Amino acid sequence: MLGVLFNDRECKELGYLLRKELDEMLLDLSDDRIDAEVKSAIEMRYKVIFRMYARLAPPKELSRYVRHRSTRQHHP
């Protein structure tokens, strides 16, 4: 466990960086050209970044990034 203290401006900047990363990963996950194995790795990373963002974001903002099982595309 690692603890870090950020001021308000740093929290906003971190939130911005995490949102941009989540947006990029969502685009990659919806791209049919990306291999299923790569998407699996992106999905695992998405979960970590999402949990980090969840510590900073208000629920309304966080709901934009919730992934539902029915929206995920699994390739055999």
PDB file of N, CA and C in Angstrom:
ATOM      1  N   MET A   1       0.859  -1.168   0.000  1.00  0.00           N
ATOM      2  CA  MET A   1       0.000   0.000   0.000  1.00  0.00           C
ATOM      3  C   MET A   1       0.896   1.219   0.000  1.00  0.00           C
ATOM      4  N   LEU A   2       0.544   2.167  -0.818  1.00  0.00           N
ATOM      5  CA  LEU A   2       1.303   3.412  -0.926  1.00  0.00           C
ATOM      6  C   LEU A   2       0.339   4.573  -0.734  1.00  0.00           C
ATOM      7  N   GLY A   3       0.695   5.486   0.111  1.00  0.00           N
ATOM      8  CA  GLY A   3      -0.132   6.666   0.314  1.00  0.00           C
ATOM      9  C   GLY A   3       0.526   7.881  -0.318  1.00  0.00           C
ATOM     10  N   VAL A   4      -0.288   8.708  -0.958  1.00  0.00           N
ATOM     11  CA  VAL A   4       0.219   9.918  -1.607  1.00  0.00           C
ATOM     12  C   VAL A   4      -0.758  11.055  -1.326  1.00  0.00           C
ATOM     13  N   LEU A   5      -0.214  12.216  -1.020  1.00  0.00           N
ATOM     14  CA  LEU A   5      -1.050  13.394  -0.806  1.00  0.00           C
ATOM     15  C   LEU A   5      -0.940  14.316  -2.014  1.00  0.00           C
ATOM     16  N   PHE A   6      -2.095  14.746  -2.532  1.00  0.00           N
ATOM     17  CA  PHE A   6      -2.142  15.669  -3.659  1.00  0.00           C
ATOM     18  C   PHE A   6      -2.944  16.894  -3.253  1.00  0.00           C
ATOM     19  N   ASN A   7      -2.574  18.048  -3.781  1.00  0.00           N
ATOM     20  CA  ASN A   7      -3.406  19.229  -3.574  1.00  0.00           C
ATOM     21  C   ASN A   7      -4.547  19.191  -4.607  1.00  0.00           C
ATOM     22  N   ASP A   8      -5.460  20.158  -4.542  1.00  0.00           N
ATOM     23  CA  ASP A   8      -6.629  20.156  -5.432  1.00  0.00           C
ATOM     24  C   ASP A   8      -6.242  20.178  -6.910  1.00  0.00           C
ATOM     25  N   ARG A   9      -5.287  21.011  -7.239  1.00  0.00           N
ATOM     26  CA  ARG A   9      -4.865  21.116  -8.649  1.00  0.00           C
ATOM     27  C   ARG A   9      -4.267  19.800  -9.139  1.00  0.00           C
ATOM     28  N   GLU A  10      -3.472  19.161  -8.311  1.00  0.00           N
ATOM     29  CA  GLU A  10      -2.870  17.878  -8.679  1.00  0.00           C
ATOM     30  C   GLU A  10      -3.936  16.789  -8.824  1.00  0.00           C
ATOM     31  N   CYS A  11      -4.932  16.817  -7.967  1.00  0.00           N
ATOM     32  CA  CYS A  11      -6.045  15.849  -8.081  1.00  0.00           C
ATOM     33  C   CYS A  11      -6.797  16.032  -9.392  1.00  0.00           C
ATOM     34  N   LYS A  12      -7.039  17.271  -9.764  1.00  0.00           N
ATOM     35  CA  LYS A  12      -7.725  17.540 -11.030  1.00  0.00           C
ATOM     36  C   LYS A  12      -6.890  17.056 -12.209  1.00  0.00           C
ATOM     37  N   GLU A  13      -5.593  17.292 -12.149  1.00  0.00           N
ATOM     38  CA  GLU A  13      -4.698  16.855 -13.227  1.00  0.00           C
ATOM     39  C   GLU A  13      -4.642  15.328 -13.302  1.00  0.00           C
ATOM     40  N   LEU A  14      -4.562  14.686 -12.163  1.00  0.00           N
ATOM     41  CA  LEU A  14      -4.555  13.225 -12.147  1.00  0.00           C
ATOM     42  C   LEU A  14      -5.873  12.677 -12.689  1.00  0.00           C
ATOM     43  N   GLY A  15      -6.981  13.278 -12.301  1.00  0.00           N
ATOM     44  CA  GLY A  15      -8.282  12.874 -12.826  1.00  0.00           C
ATOM     45  C   GLY A  15      -8.348  13.019 -14.337  1.00  0.00           C
ATOM     46  N   TYR A  16      -7.809  14.109 -14.848  1.00  0.00           N
ATOM     47  CA  TYR A  16      -7.779  14.345 -16.289  1.00  0.00           C
ATOM     48  C   TYR A  16      -6.955  13.261 -16.983  1.00  0.00           C
ATOM     49  N   LEU A  17      -5.793  12.964 -16.471  1.00  0.00           N
ATOM     50  CA  LEU A  17      -4.932  11.935 -17.068  1.00  0.00           C
ATOM     51  C   LEU A  17      -5.610  10.562 -17.056  1.00  0.00           C
ATOM     52  N   LEU A  18      -6.244  10.234 -15.954  1.00  0.00           N
ATOM     53  CA  LEU A  18      -6.920   8.937 -15.859  1.00  0.00           C
ATOM     54  C   LEU A  18      -8.103   8.860 -16.823  1.00  0.00           C
ATOM     55  N   ARG A  19      -8.871   9.950 -16.947  1.00  0.00           N
ATOM     56  CA  ARG A  19      -9.996   9.973 -17.893  1.00  0.00           C
ATOM     57  C   ARG A  19      -9.512   9.774 -19.318  1.00  0.00           C
ATOM     58  N   LYS A  20      -8.462  10.459 -19.688  1.00  0.00           N
ATOM     59  CA  LYS A  20      -7.926  10.325 -21.049  1.00  0.00           C
ATOM     60  C   LYS A  20      -7.451   8.901 -21.300  1.00  0.00           C
ATOM     61  N   GLU A  21      -6.822   8.300 -20.323  1.00  0.00           N
ATOM     62  CA  GLU A  21      -6.361   6.917 -20.474  1.00  0.00           C
ATOM     63  C   GLU A  21      -7.548   5.960 -20.593  1.00  0.00           C
ATOM     64  N   LEU A  22      -8.577   6.170 -19.789  1.00  0.00           N
ATOM     65  CA  LEU A  22      -9.779   5.336 -19.889  1.00  0.00           C
ATOM     66  C   LEU A  22     -10.438   5.500 -21.257  1.00  0.00           C
ATOM     67  N   ASP A  23     -10.516   6.726 -21.745  1.00  0.00           N
ATOM     68  CA  ASP A  23     -11.101   6.972 -23.068  1.00  0.00           C
ATOM     69  C   ASP A  23     -10.328   6.226 -24.157  1.00  0.00           C
ATOM     70  N   GLU A  24      -9.008   6.291 -24.092  1.00  0.00           N
ATOM     71  CA  GLU A  24      -8.180   5.604 -25.091  1.00  0.00           C
ATOM     72  C   GLU A  24      -8.389   4.094 -25.033  1.00  0.00           C
ATOM     73  N   MET A  25      -8.456   3.560 -23.834  1.00  0.00           N
ATOM     74  CA  MET A  25      -8.652   2.111 -23.694  1.00  0.00           C
ATOM     75  C   MET A  25     -10.032   1.697 -24.186  1.00  0.00           C
ATOM     76  N   LEU A  26     -11.046   2.517 -23.951  1.00  0.00           N
ATOM     77  CA  LEU A  26     -12.384   2.198 -24.463  1.00  0.00           C
ATOM     78  C   LEU A  26     -12.391   2.152 -25.987  1.00  0.00           C
ATOM     79  N   LEU A  27     -11.674   3.084 -26.603  1.00  0.00           N
ATOM     80  CA  LEU A  27     -11.557   3.070 -28.063  1.00  0.00           C
ATOM     81  C   LEU A  27     -10.875   1.788 -28.537  1.00  0.00           C
ATOM     82  N   ASP A  28      -9.792   1.426 -27.881  1.00  0.00           N
ATOM     83  CA  ASP A  28      -9.076   0.211 -28.258  1.00  0.00           C
ATOM     84  C   ASP A  28      -9.939  -1.030 -28.067  1.00  0.00           C
ATOM     85  N   LEU A  29     -10.709  -1.064 -26.999  1.00  0.00           N
ATOM     86  CA  LEU A  29     -11.556  -2.231 -26.738  1.00  0.00           C
ATOM     87  C   LEU A  29     -12.689  -2.362 -27.755  1.00  0.00           C
ATOM     88  N   SER A  30     -13.068  -1.266 -28.375  1.00  0.00           N
ATOM     89  CA  SER A  30     -14.132  -1.324 -29.381  1.00  0.00           C
ATOM     90  C   SER A  30     -13.589  -1.527 -30.798  1.00  0.00           C
ATOM     91  N   ASP A  31     -12.271  -1.553 -30.941  1.00  0.00           N
ATOM     92  CA  ASP A  31     -11.631  -1.702 -32.252  1.00  0.00           C
ATOM     93  C   ASP A  31     -11.546  -3.180 -32.637  1.00  0.00           C
ATOM     94  N   ASP A  32     -12.237  -3.564 -33.700  1.00  0.00           N
ATOM     95  CA  ASP A  32     -12.264  -4.958 -34.137  1.00  0.00           C
ATOM     96  C   ASP A  32     -10.931  -5.438 -34.696  1.00  0.00           C
ATOM     97  N   ARG A  33     -10.039  -4.538 -35.016  1.00  0.00           N
ATOM     98  CA  ARG A  33      -8.737  -4.928 -35.567  1.00  0.00           C
ATOM     99  C   ARG A  33      -7.771  -5.415 -34.503  1.00  0.00           C
ATOM    100  N   ILE A  34      -8.088  -5.154 -33.243  1.00  0.00           N
ATOM    101  CA  ILE A  34      -7.187  -5.540 -32.152  1.00  0.00           C
ATOM    102  C   ILE A  34      -7.482  -6.969 -31.727  1.00  0.00           C
ATOM    103  N   ASP A  35      -6.429  -7.752 -31.599  1.00  0.00           N
ATOM    104  CA  ASP A  35      -6.492  -9.159 -31.230  1.00  0.00           C
ATOM    105  C   ASP A  35      -7.136  -9.350 -29.847  1.00  0.00           C
ATOM    106  N   ALA A  36      -7.839 -10.465 -29.678  1.00  0.00           N
ATOM    107  CA  ALA A  36      -8.530 -10.757 -28.424  1.00  0.00           C
ATOM    108  C   ALA A  36      -7.562 -10.837 -27.243  1.00  0.00           C
ATOM    109  N   GLU A  37      -6.380 -11.357 -27.466  1.00  0.00           N
ATOM    110  CA  GLU A  37      -5.391 -11.458 -26.382  1.00  0.00           C
ATOM    111  C   GLU A  37      -4.936 -10.072 -25.929  1.00  0.00           C
ATOM    112  N   VAL A  38      -4.759  -9.175 -26.876  1.00  0.00           N
ATOM    113  CA  VAL A  38      -4.377  -7.796 -26.554  1.00  0.00           C
ATOM    114  C   VAL A  38      -5.529  -7.098 -25.830  1.00  0.00           C
ATOM    115  N   LYS A  39      -6.737  -7.340 -26.289  1.00  0.00           N
ATOM    116  CA  LYS A  39      -7.908  -6.737 -25.626  1.00  0.00           C
ATOM    117  C   LYS A  39      -8.028  -7.220 -24.187  1.00  0.00           C
ATOM    118  N   SER A  40      -7.689  -8.474 -23.959  1.00  0.00           N
ATOM    119  CA  SER A  40      -7.731  -9.015 -22.603  1.00  0.00           C
ATOM    120  C   SER A  40      -6.749  -8.260 -21.700  1.00  0.00           C
ATOM    121  N   ALA A  41      -5.566  -7.981 -22.204  1.00  0.00           N
ATOM    122  CA  ALA A  41      -4.573  -7.217 -21.443  1.00  0.00           C
ATOM    123  C   ALA A  41      -5.059  -5.787 -21.194  1.00  0.00           C
ATOM    124  N   ILE A  42      -5.679  -5.192 -22.206  1.00  0.00           N
ATOM    125  CA  ILE A  42      -6.225  -3.839 -22.060  1.00  0.00           C
ATOM    126  C   ILE A  42      -7.331  -3.835 -21.011  1.00  0.00           C
ATOM    127  N   GLU A  43      -8.173  -4.853 -21.029  1.00  0.00           N
ATOM    128  CA  GLU A  43      -9.263  -4.964 -20.057  1.00  0.00           C
ATOM    129  C   GLU A  43      -8.720  -5.038 -18.628  1.00  0.00           C
ATOM    130  N   MET A  44      -7.665  -5.799 -18.423  1.00  0.00           N
ATOM    131  CA  MET A  44      -7.075  -5.904 -17.082  1.00  0.00           C
ATOM    132  C   MET A  44      -6.530  -4.543 -16.640  1.00  0.00           C
ATOM    133  N   ARG A  45      -5.875  -3.848 -17.549  1.00  0.00           N
ATOM    134  CA  ARG A  45      -5.337  -2.523 -17.241  1.00  0.00           C
ATOM    135  C   ARG A  45      -6.470  -1.523 -17.000  1.00  0.00           C
ATOM    136  N   TYR A  46      -7.534  -1.646 -17.785  1.00  0.00           N
ATOM    137  CA  TYR A  46      -8.693  -0.774 -17.629  1.00  0.00           C
ATOM    138  C   TYR A  46      -9.234  -0.864 -16.195  1.00  0.00           C
ATOM    139  N   LYS A  47      -9.325  -2.075 -15.688  1.00  0.00           N
ATOM    140  CA  LYS A  47      -9.854  -2.279 -14.335  1.00  0.00           C
ATOM    141  C   LYS A  47      -9.003  -1.554 -13.298  1.00  0.00           C
ATOM    142  N   VAL A  48      -7.688  -1.618 -13.440  1.00  0.00           N
ATOM    143  CA  VAL A  48      -6.787  -0.951 -12.496  1.00  0.00           C
ATOM    144  C   VAL A  48      -6.960   0.560 -12.579  1.00  0.00           C
ATOM    145  N   ILE A  49      -6.932   1.099 -13.791  1.00  0.00           N
ATOM    146  CA  ILE A  49      -7.065   2.552 -13.982  1.00  0.00           C
ATOM    147  C   ILE A  49      -8.437   3.032 -13.506  1.00  0.00           C
ATOM    148  N   PHE A  50      -9.476   2.246 -13.773  1.00  0.00           N
ATOM    149  CA  PHE A  50     -10.824   2.601 -13.329  1.00  0.00           C
ATOM    150  C   PHE A  50     -10.884   2.687 -11.801  1.00  0.00           C
ATOM    151  N   ARG A  51     -10.272   1.719 -11.116  1.00  0.00           N
ATOM    152  CA  ARG A  51     -10.273   1.755  -9.647  1.00  0.00           C
ATOM    153  C   ARG A  51      -9.523   2.978  -9.126  1.00  0.00           C
ATOM    154  N   MET A  52      -8.446   3.340  -9.803  1.00  0.00           N
ATOM    155  CA  MET A  52      -7.723   4.561  -9.406  1.00  0.00           C
ATOM    156  C   MET A  52      -8.614   5.781  -9.592  1.00  0.00           C
ATOM    157  N   TYR A  53      -9.280   5.855 -10.748  1.00  0.00           N
ATOM    158  CA  TYR A  53     -10.150   6.993 -11.041  1.00  0.00           C
ATOM    159  C   TYR A  53     -11.324   7.049 -10.069  1.00  0.00           C
ATOM    160  N   ALA A  54     -11.814   5.885  -9.655  1.00  0.00           N
ATOM    161  CA  ALA A  54     -12.957   5.825  -8.737  1.00  0.00           C
ATOM    162  C   ALA A  54     -12.653   6.503  -7.398  1.00  0.00           C
ATOM    163  N   ARG A  55     -11.402   6.589  -7.043  1.00  0.00           N
ATOM    164  CA  ARG A  55     -11.028   7.235  -5.780  1.00  0.00           C
ATOM    165  C   ARG A  55     -11.105   8.763  -5.864  1.00  0.00           C
ATOM    166  N   LEU A  56     -11.128   9.283  -7.099  1.00  0.00           N
ATOM    167  CA  LEU A  56     -11.121  10.737  -7.289  1.00  0.00           C
ATOM    168  C   LEU A  56     -12.438  11.298  -7.813  1.00  0.00           C
ATOM    169  N   ALA A  57     -13.140  10.490  -8.598  1.00  0.00           N
ATOM    170  CA  ALA A  57     -14.270  10.996  -9.376  1.00  0.00           C
ATOM    171  C   ALA A  57     -15.584  10.956  -8.610  1.00  0.00           C
ATOM    172  N   PRO A  58     -16.451  11.928  -8.863  1.00  0.00           N
ATOM    173  CA  PRO A  58     -17.808  11.858  -8.321  1.00  0.00           C
ATOM    174  C   PRO A  58     -18.579  10.741  -9.043  1.00  0.00           C
ATOM    175  N   PRO A  59     -19.554  10.133  -8.379  1.00  0.00           N
ATOM    176  CA  PRO A  59     -20.293   9.002  -8.973  1.00  0.00           C
ATOM    177  C   PRO A  59     -20.866   9.285 -10.361  1.00  0.00           C
ATOM    178  N   LYS A  60     -21.374  10.483 -10.580  1.00  0.00           N
ATOM    179  CA  LYS A  60     -21.960  10.805 -11.886  1.00  0.00           C
ATOM    180  C   LYS A  60     -20.909  10.714 -12.992  1.00  0.00           C
ATOM    181  N   GLU A  61     -19.726  11.233 -12.724  1.00  0.00           N
ATOM    182  CA  GLU A  61     -18.635  11.178 -13.696  1.00  0.00           C
ATOM    183  C   GLU A  61     -18.117   9.746 -13.849  1.00  0.00           C
ATOM    184  N   LEU A  62     -18.045   9.046 -12.771  1.00  0.00           N
ATOM    185  CA  LEU A  62     -17.544   7.674 -12.788  1.00  0.00           C
ATOM    186  C   LEU A  62     -18.438   6.754 -13.606  1.00  0.00           C
ATOM    187  N   SER A  63     -19.734   7.004 -13.590  1.00  0.00           N
ATOM    188  CA  SER A  63     -20.681   6.144 -14.309  1.00  0.00           C
ATOM    189  C   SER A  63     -20.428   6.130 -15.814  1.00  0.00           C
ATOM    190  N   ARG A  64     -19.789   7.170 -16.344  1.00  0.00           N
ATOM    191  CA  ARG A  64     -19.465   7.211 -17.782  1.00  0.00           C
ATOM    192  C   ARG A  64     -18.500   6.098 -18.170  1.00  0.00           C
ATOM    193  N   TYR A  65     -17.718   5.623 -17.210  1.00  0.00           N
ATOM    194  CA  TYR A  65     -16.657   4.673 -17.512  1.00  0.00           C
ATOM    195  C   TYR A  65     -16.939   3.252 -17.019  1.00  0.00           C
ATOM    196  N   VAL A  66     -18.116   3.031 -16.463  1.00  0.00           N
ATOM    197  CA  VAL A  66     -18.470   1.681 -16.015  1.00  0.00           C
ATOM    198  C   VAL A  66     -18.704   0.808 -17.238  1.00  0.00           C
ATOM    199  N   ARG A  67     -18.035  -0.349 -17.252  1.00  0.00           N
ATOM    200  CA  ARG A  67     -18.211  -1.304 -18.354  1.00  0.00           C
ATOM    201  C   ARG A  67     -19.124  -2.420 -17.863  1.00  0.00           C
ATOM    202  N   HIS A  68     -20.115  -2.745 -18.671  1.00  0.00           N
ATOM    203  CA  HIS A  68     -21.058  -3.810 -18.336  1.00  0.00           C
ATOM    204  C   HIS A  68     -20.706  -5.058 -19.118  1.00  0.00           C
ATOM    205  N   ARG A  69     -20.964  -6.195 -18.561  1.00  0.00           N
ATOM    206  CA  ARG A  69     -20.638  -7.451 -19.234  1.00  0.00           C
ATOM    207  C   ARG A  69     -21.314  -7.567 -20.593  1.00  0.00           C
ATOM    208  N   SER A  70     -22.532  -7.074 -20.729  1.00  0.00           N
ATOM    209  CA  SER A  70     -23.256  -7.192 -21.983  1.00  0.00           C
ATOM    210  C   SER A  70     -22.652  -6.335 -23.099  1.00  0.00           C
ATOM    211  N   THR A  71     -21.871  -5.293 -22.733  1.00  0.00           N
ATOM    212  CA  THR A  71     -21.281  -4.437 -23.752  1.00  0.00           C
ATOM    213  C   THR A  71     -19.904  -4.917 -24.172  1.00  0.00           C
ATOM    214  N   ARG A  72     -19.360  -5.871 -23.454  1.00  0.00           N
ATOM    215  CA  ARG A  72     -18.046  -6.404 -23.805  1.00  0.00           C
ATOM    216  C   ARG A  72     -18.184  -7.387 -24.949  1.00  0.00           C
ATOM    217  N   GLN A  73     -17.236  -7.354 -25.813  1.00  0.00           N
ATOM    218  CA  GLN A  73     -17.231  -8.291 -26.927  1.00  0.00           C
ATOM    219  C   GLN A  73     -16.170  -9.339 -26.665  1.00  0.00           C
ATOM    220  N   HIS A  74     -16.590 -10.597 -26.585  1.00  0.00           N
ATOM    221  CA  HIS A  74     -15.656 -11.688 -26.402  1.00  0.00           C
ATOM    222  C   HIS A  74     -15.490 -12.415 -27.717  1.00  0.00           C
ATOM    223  N   HIS A  75     -14.246 -12.661 -28.050  1.00  0.00           N
ATOM    224  CA  HIS A  75     -13.961 -13.396 -29.288  1.00  0.00           C
ATOM    225  C   HIS A  75     -13.461 -14.768 -28.907  1.00  0.00           C
ATOM    226  N   PRO A  76     -13.996 -15.818 -29.547  1.00  0.00           N
ATOM    227  CA  PRO A  76     -13.555 -17.183 -29.208  1.00  0.00           C
ATOM    228  C   PRO A  76     -12.109 -17.425 -29.517  1.00  0.00           C
TER     229      PRO A  76
END
